[in-house]
Amino acid sequence: MAILKFTDRTKNKSALAAKDLSSLLNPYSIEVTPKTAAKISDFSRLLPPGTRVYIAHITGTSIQDMVATAKRLRRDGFAVMPHFPARSIPDIATLGSWIELYRNEADVTEALLLGGGEARPVGTIESSIHLLESGLFDRHGFKRLHVAGHPEGSRDIDPDGTTSNVDSALKWKTDFSRLTDAEMAIVTQFGFEPGIITTWAERIAEAGVSLPIHVGIAGPAKLQTLIKFAISCGVGPSLKVLQKRALDVTRLLMPYEPTEMVNALTAYVENNPASLISQLHLFPLGGIEPAARWVGDNTVTQPQTATGTS
């Protein structure tokens, strides 16, 4: 069942403000790039202190720009989690130099490890497993390491359309989590079908995965924007949902907000307290400020520090 909300902000603003979605948004995390972060003059007026901010390492972005953004956000009191895209890192020596830059210049102790957007590795590092196996994050005192989850599968990892490779990788990472001093969790790509996410969470738990799941959701945005990002990010069944909505002209011009998506996930977790789903990760596809405002409108208690939370 597809659950999307395209709403008239003026008509429903008071209703949204009265609805408390704090259980999965307290705390929440948010994703930026050096380019989008540079457009925000003061993050402290948008995000609660200690909010975890992921910094996406887009192809072509220099490590200097990444570290400068991390330094700024750390200075302003946020937990910073830069991406380490395995297939974009030439070798272990480069990985070590990146880690040292983040630690020494920006006091970063968290990282998201993922394969990355490159179709082929630029060097000898092919996967997030290789990043973990290096031992460099433990050696440099990283306290938290997150890895990617794929509720809708990944054709890059499983070209045959199955989930065998992504499943075995998550099981390997669960086993690794018992060996590292860092806390680990899974963060997913954004999606629009809560049922796909909850079914996937149940399935990997039954397979022996025990890492907490931070579910990716898209922030407020125009439908056209969502479709563009869904195509570029390889979102599967969710893209079909968006395309179906685009055929309805009355909804095409109305902004999407993730309220009903979060409602469905919140209700599921309340009814399934043992679920691996523990919090939400916000992709501000329509802008950082609208995304932060939406959280503020839908939480009674502002999120507290993300440091140390699952």
Protein backbone atom coordinates (compact mmCIF):
# COMPACT_ATOMS: atom_id res chain seq x y z
CA MET A 1 0.00 0.00 0.00
CA ALA A 2 1.44 3.33 -1.05
CA ILE A 3 1.31 6.06 1.54
CA LEU A 4 2.13 9.56 0.36
CA LYS A 5 0.92 12.92 1.51
CA PHE A 6 0.55 15.87 -0.80
CA THR A 7 -0.93 18.60 1.34
CA ASP A 8 -2.01 22.20 1.27
CA ARG A 9 0.37 23.74 3.82
CA THR A 10 -1.92 26.65 4.65
CA LYS A 11 -5.01 24.54 5.24
CA ASN A 12 -3.29 21.89 7.35
CA LYS A 13 -0.55 23.79 9.13
CA SER A 14 -2.26 23.80 12.53
CA ALA A 15 -3.16 20.12 12.25
CA LEU A 16 0.42 19.20 11.45
CA ALA A 17 1.74 21.25 14.33
CA ALA A 18 -0.57 19.44 16.74
CA LYS A 19 0.57 15.98 15.63
CA ASP A 20 3.52 14.65 17.62
CA LEU A 21 5.86 12.34 15.69
CA SER A 22 8.62 12.58 18.29
CA SER A 23 9.20 8.90 18.93
CA LEU A 24 11.17 8.32 15.71
CA LEU A 25 12.26 11.95 15.22
CA ASN A 26 13.79 12.33 18.67
CA PRO A 27 16.57 12.39 17.73
CA TYR A 28 16.80 12.43 13.95
CA SER A 29 19.71 12.91 11.58
CA ILE A 30 19.97 14.92 8.38
CA GLU A 31 22.17 14.83 5.27
CA VAL A 32 23.99 17.72 3.62
CA THR A 33 26.70 18.26 1.04
CA PRO A 34 29.42 20.91 1.24
CA LYS A 35 27.49 22.82 -1.44
CA THR A 36 24.11 22.75 0.32
CA ALA A 37 25.68 23.42 3.72
CA ALA A 38 27.37 26.53 2.36
CA LYS A 39 23.92 28.02 1.68
CA ILE A 40 23.02 27.90 5.39
CA SER A 41 24.47 30.79 7.35
CA ASP A 42 23.60 29.41 10.79
CA PHE A 43 22.72 25.75 11.37
CA SER A 44 22.10 26.38 15.05
CA ARG A 45 18.85 28.20 14.25
CA LEU A 46 17.60 25.18 12.28
CA LEU A 47 18.85 22.07 14.05
CA PRO A 48 18.80 21.11 17.73
CA PRO A 49 22.22 20.96 19.42
CA GLY A 50 23.98 17.66 18.86
CA THR A 51 21.95 16.66 15.79
CA ARG A 52 23.86 14.15 13.69
CA VAL A 53 24.70 15.66 10.30
CA TYR A 54 25.86 13.33 7.54
CA ILE A 55 28.06 14.92 4.88
CA ALA A 56 27.58 13.24 1.50
CA HIS A 57 30.78 12.85 -0.51
CA ILE A 58 29.55 13.45 -4.05
CA THR A 59 31.84 12.53 -6.95
CA GLY A 60 34.06 15.50 -7.73
CA THR A 61 33.95 16.95 -4.21
CA SER A 62 37.43 17.50 -2.79
CA ILE A 63 38.41 16.05 0.56
CA GLN A 64 39.41 19.59 1.58
CA ASP A 65 35.82 20.81 1.08
CA MET A 66 34.50 17.80 2.99
CA VAL A 67 36.80 18.41 5.94
CA ALA A 68 36.09 22.16 5.98
CA THR A 69 32.35 21.45 6.16
CA ALA A 70 32.89 18.90 8.93
CA LYS A 71 35.03 21.37 10.87
CA ARG A 72 32.37 24.06 10.66
CA LEU A 73 29.58 21.73 11.82
CA ARG A 74 31.66 20.29 14.66
CA ARG A 75 32.54 23.80 15.80
CA ASP A 76 28.83 24.60 15.92
CA GLY A 77 28.13 21.64 18.20
CA PHE A 78 26.83 18.93 15.88
CA ALA A 79 27.71 15.26 15.61
CA VAL A 80 29.29 14.93 12.17
CA MET A 81 29.25 11.78 10.04
CA PRO A 82 31.03 12.13 6.69
CA HIS A 83 30.55 9.56 3.93
CA PHE A 84 33.47 7.31 3.02
CA PRO A 85 32.60 6.03 -0.50
CA ALA A 86 34.77 2.93 -0.93
CA ARG A 87 34.91 2.83 -4.73
CA SER A 88 36.04 6.48 -4.84
CA ILE A 89 39.02 5.93 -2.54
CA PRO A 90 42.12 4.81 -4.48
CA ASP A 91 43.92 2.85 -1.78
CA ILE A 92 44.40 2.24 1.93
CA ALA A 93 46.99 5.00 2.16
CA THR A 94 44.46 7.54 0.87
CA LEU A 95 41.85 6.19 3.28
CA GLY A 96 44.30 6.68 6.14
CA SER A 97 45.05 10.26 5.09
CA TRP A 98 41.35 11.11 4.89
CA ILE A 99 40.73 9.68 8.34
CA GLU A 100 43.64 11.65 9.78
CA LEU A 101 42.37 14.88 8.21
CA TYR A 102 38.91 14.39 9.69
CA ARG A 103 40.29 13.48 13.12
CA ASN A 104 43.01 16.11 13.35
CA GLU A 105 41.27 19.08 11.71
CA ALA A 106 37.59 18.51 12.52
CA ASP A 107 37.54 16.16 15.53
CA VAL A 108 35.34 13.68 13.64
CA THR A 109 34.73 10.31 15.29
CA GLU A 110 31.83 9.03 13.17
CA ALA A 111 31.60 7.76 9.60
CA LEU A 112 29.14 6.30 7.11
CA LEU A 113 30.88 3.56 5.13
CA LEU A 114 29.36 2.68 1.77
CA GLY A 115 30.26 1.43 -1.68
CA GLY A 116 29.60 4.79 -3.31
CA GLY A 117 28.27 5.98 -6.64
CA GLU A 118 31.16 4.88 -8.88
CA ALA A 119 30.27 1.98 -11.17
CA ARG A 120 33.84 0.68 -10.88
CA PRO A 121 36.43 1.16 -8.13
CA VAL A 122 39.03 3.81 -8.87
CA GLY A 123 41.60 1.69 -7.08
CA THR A 124 41.98 -1.31 -4.80
CA ILE A 125 39.09 -0.63 -2.40
CA GLU A 126 35.80 -2.10 -3.62
CA SER A 127 33.36 -2.13 -0.72
CA SER A 128 32.51 -0.93 2.77
CA ILE A 129 33.67 -4.33 4.01
CA HIS A 130 37.17 -3.47 2.78
CA LEU A 131 36.96 -0.18 4.69
CA LEU A 132 36.03 -2.00 7.89
CA GLU A 133 38.67 -4.68 7.38
CA SER A 134 41.37 -2.00 7.19
CA GLY A 135 41.10 -1.48 10.96
CA LEU A 136 41.91 2.20 10.48
CA PHE A 137 38.70 3.53 12.01
CA ASP A 138 39.29 1.66 15.26
CA ARG A 139 42.95 2.64 15.22
CA HIS A 140 41.98 6.33 15.02
CA GLY A 141 39.37 6.14 17.75
CA PHE A 142 36.14 6.33 15.76
CA LYS A 143 33.18 5.84 18.10
CA ARG A 144 30.41 5.21 15.57
CA LEU A 145 30.34 3.53 12.17
CA HIS A 146 27.21 3.31 10.05
CA VAL A 147 26.66 1.17 6.96
CA ALA A 148 24.11 1.27 4.15
CA GLY A 149 20.88 -0.72 4.07
CA HIS A 150 18.82 -1.50 0.96
CA PRO A 151 15.15 -2.25 1.72
CA GLU A 152 14.38 -2.30 -2.01
CA GLY A 153 17.51 -4.24 -2.96
CA SER A 154 20.44 -2.94 -4.98
CA ARG A 155 21.08 -3.79 -8.63
CA ASP A 156 24.65 -2.53 -8.20
CA ILE A 157 25.31 -5.20 -5.58
CA ASP A 158 22.91 -7.91 -6.77
CA PRO A 159 22.66 -7.60 -10.59
CA ASP A 160 20.46 -10.71 -10.72
CA GLY A 161 17.70 -8.95 -8.79
CA THR A 162 18.03 -11.06 -5.65
CA THR A 163 19.19 -9.82 -2.26
CA SER A 164 21.79 -12.50 -1.59
CA ASN A 165 24.84 -10.23 -1.65
CA VAL A 166 23.32 -7.37 0.35
CA ASP A 167 21.97 -9.85 2.90
CA SER A 168 25.29 -11.61 3.39
CA ALA A 169 27.07 -8.26 3.66
CA LEU A 170 24.75 -7.11 6.45
CA LYS A 171 25.27 -10.39 8.29
CA TRP A 172 29.05 -9.95 7.95
CA LYS A 173 28.79 -6.41 9.31
CA THR A 174 26.69 -7.60 12.23
CA ASP A 175 29.41 -10.09 13.09
CA PHE A 176 32.04 -7.36 12.70
CA SER A 177 30.12 -5.09 15.09
CA ARG A 178 31.01 -7.52 17.89
CA LEU A 179 34.71 -7.03 17.19
CA THR A 180 34.92 -3.25 16.89
CA ASP A 181 34.87 -0.73 19.71
CA ALA A 182 32.64 1.53 17.60
CA GLU A 183 28.86 1.45 17.79
CA MET A 184 27.30 0.43 14.50
CA ALA A 185 23.94 0.98 12.80
CA ILE A 186 22.32 0.71 9.37
CA VAL A 187 21.04 3.76 7.50
CA THR A 188 18.79 3.26 4.49
CA GLN A 189 18.15 5.08 1.24
CA PHE A 190 14.97 7.15 1.24
CA GLY A 191 11.75 5.40 0.27
CA PHE A 192 8.01 5.98 0.09
CA GLU A 193 6.58 2.53 0.93
CA PRO A 194 6.63 1.89 4.71
CA GLY A 195 5.50 -1.70 4.19
CA ILE A 196 8.60 -2.49 2.14
CA ILE A 197 10.82 -1.10 4.89
CA THR A 198 9.12 -2.91 7.77
CA THR A 199 9.03 -6.23 5.89
CA TRP A 200 12.72 -5.88 5.08
CA ALA A 201 13.54 -5.02 8.72
CA GLU A 202 11.75 -8.16 9.88
CA ARG A 203 13.44 -10.32 7.26
CA ILE A 204 17.00 -9.26 8.05
CA ALA A 205 16.34 -9.61 11.79
CA GLU A 206 15.22 -13.20 11.22
CA ALA A 207 18.44 -13.75 9.25
CA GLY A 208 20.53 -12.73 12.25
CA VAL A 209 21.14 -9.02 11.65
CA SER A 210 20.91 -7.11 14.92
CA LEU A 211 22.14 -3.62 14.00
CA PRO A 212 19.71 -0.74 14.67
CA ILE A 213 18.09 0.69 11.55
CA HIS A 214 17.87 4.41 10.79
CA VAL A 215 15.23 4.71 8.08
CA GLY A 216 15.82 7.24 5.33
CA ILE A 217 12.90 9.52 4.49
CA ALA A 218 12.60 12.33 1.97
CA GLY A 219 11.95 15.78 3.34
CA PRO A 220 9.32 18.17 1.92
CA ALA A 221 9.77 18.65 -1.81
CA LYS A 222 7.99 19.02 -5.13
CA LEU A 223 6.98 15.76 -6.77
CA GLN A 224 9.17 16.50 -9.78
CA THR A 225 12.17 16.88 -7.46
CA LEU A 226 11.46 13.57 -5.75
CA ILE A 227 11.20 11.73 -9.06
CA LYS A 228 14.51 13.19 -10.22
CA PHE A 229 16.31 12.05 -7.06
CA ALA A 230 14.57 8.66 -7.03
CA ILE A 231 15.80 7.96 -10.56
CA SER A 232 19.36 9.07 -9.81
CA CYS A 233 19.48 7.07 -6.55
CA GLY A 234 18.05 3.89 -8.00
CA VAL A 235 14.92 3.77 -5.85
CA GLY A 236 12.78 0.90 -7.17
CA PRO A 237 9.15 0.30 -6.17
CA SER A 238 9.00 3.77 -4.62
CA LEU A 239 9.72 5.32 -8.01
CA LYS A 240 6.66 3.58 -9.45
CA VAL A 241 4.57 5.10 -6.66
CA LEU A 242 5.83 8.58 -7.52
CA GLN A 243 5.26 8.08 -11.22
CA LYS A 244 1.68 6.98 -10.57
CA ARG A 245 1.10 10.09 -8.47
CA ALA A 246 2.52 12.26 -11.24
CA LEU A 247 -0.35 11.19 -13.50
CA ASP A 248 -2.78 12.96 -11.16
CA VAL A 249 -2.52 16.62 -12.16
CA THR A 250 -4.33 17.76 -9.00
CA ARG A 251 -1.54 16.29 -6.90
CA LEU A 252 1.34 17.08 -9.22
CA LEU A 253 1.42 20.72 -8.11
CA MET A 254 1.05 20.01 -4.38
CA PRO A 255 4.14 19.56 -2.17
CA TYR A 256 5.01 16.21 -0.69
CA GLU A 257 5.53 15.95 3.06
CA PRO A 258 6.58 12.73 4.82
CA THR A 259 3.97 13.00 7.59
CA GLU A 260 1.98 9.90 6.66
CA MET A 261 5.15 7.93 5.95
CA VAL A 262 6.44 8.75 9.43
CA ASN A 263 3.01 8.08 10.96
CA ALA A 264 3.02 4.58 9.47
CA LEU A 265 6.55 3.81 10.67
CA THR A 266 5.84 5.25 14.13
CA ALA A 267 2.71 3.11 14.49
CA TYR A 268 4.63 0.04 13.39
CA VAL A 269 7.42 0.57 15.93
CA GLU A 270 4.91 1.23 18.71
CA ASN A 271 3.22 -2.09 17.88
CA ASN A 272 6.54 -3.88 17.40
CA PRO A 273 8.87 -2.57 20.13
CA ALA A 274 11.51 -5.21 19.36
CA SER A 275 11.89 -3.89 15.79
CA LEU A 276 15.36 -2.92 14.62
CA ILE A 277 13.93 0.41 13.42
CA SER A 278 15.15 2.99 15.92
CA GLN A 279 15.09 6.44 14.31
CA LEU A 280 14.85 8.42 11.07
CA HIS A 281 17.41 9.93 8.73
CA LEU A 282 16.18 12.93 6.74
CA PHE A 283 17.19 13.56 3.13
CA PRO A 284 16.37 17.27 2.58
CA LEU A 285 15.64 16.89 -1.13
CA GLY A 286 13.54 20.07 -1.16
CA GLY A 287 16.00 22.06 0.93
CA ILE A 288 17.52 21.95 4.40
CA GLU A 289 15.36 24.75 5.85
CA PRO A 290 11.98 23.24 4.78
CA ALA A 291 13.08 19.87 6.13
CA ALA A 292 14.10 21.29 9.49
CA ARG A 293 10.87 23.30 9.72
CA TRP A 294 8.82 20.19 9.01
CA VAL A 295 10.49 18.36 11.91
CA GLY A 296 9.84 21.30 14.21
CA ASP A 297 6.17 21.38 13.21
CA ASN A 298 5.75 17.67 13.92
CA THR A 299 7.59 17.17 17.18
CA VAL A 300 6.44 18.35 20.59
CA THR A 301 9.89 17.87 22.11
CA GLN A 302 12.85 18.97 20.05
CA PRO A 303 15.40 16.21 19.41
CA GLN A 304 18.28 15.97 21.85
CA THR A 305 21.92 15.21 21.16
CA ALA A 306 22.46 12.37 18.72
CA THR A 307 25.83 11.45 20.12
CA GLY A 308 25.81 7.91 21.45
CA THR A 309 22.26 7.06 20.37
CA SER A 310 21.41 4.08 18.25
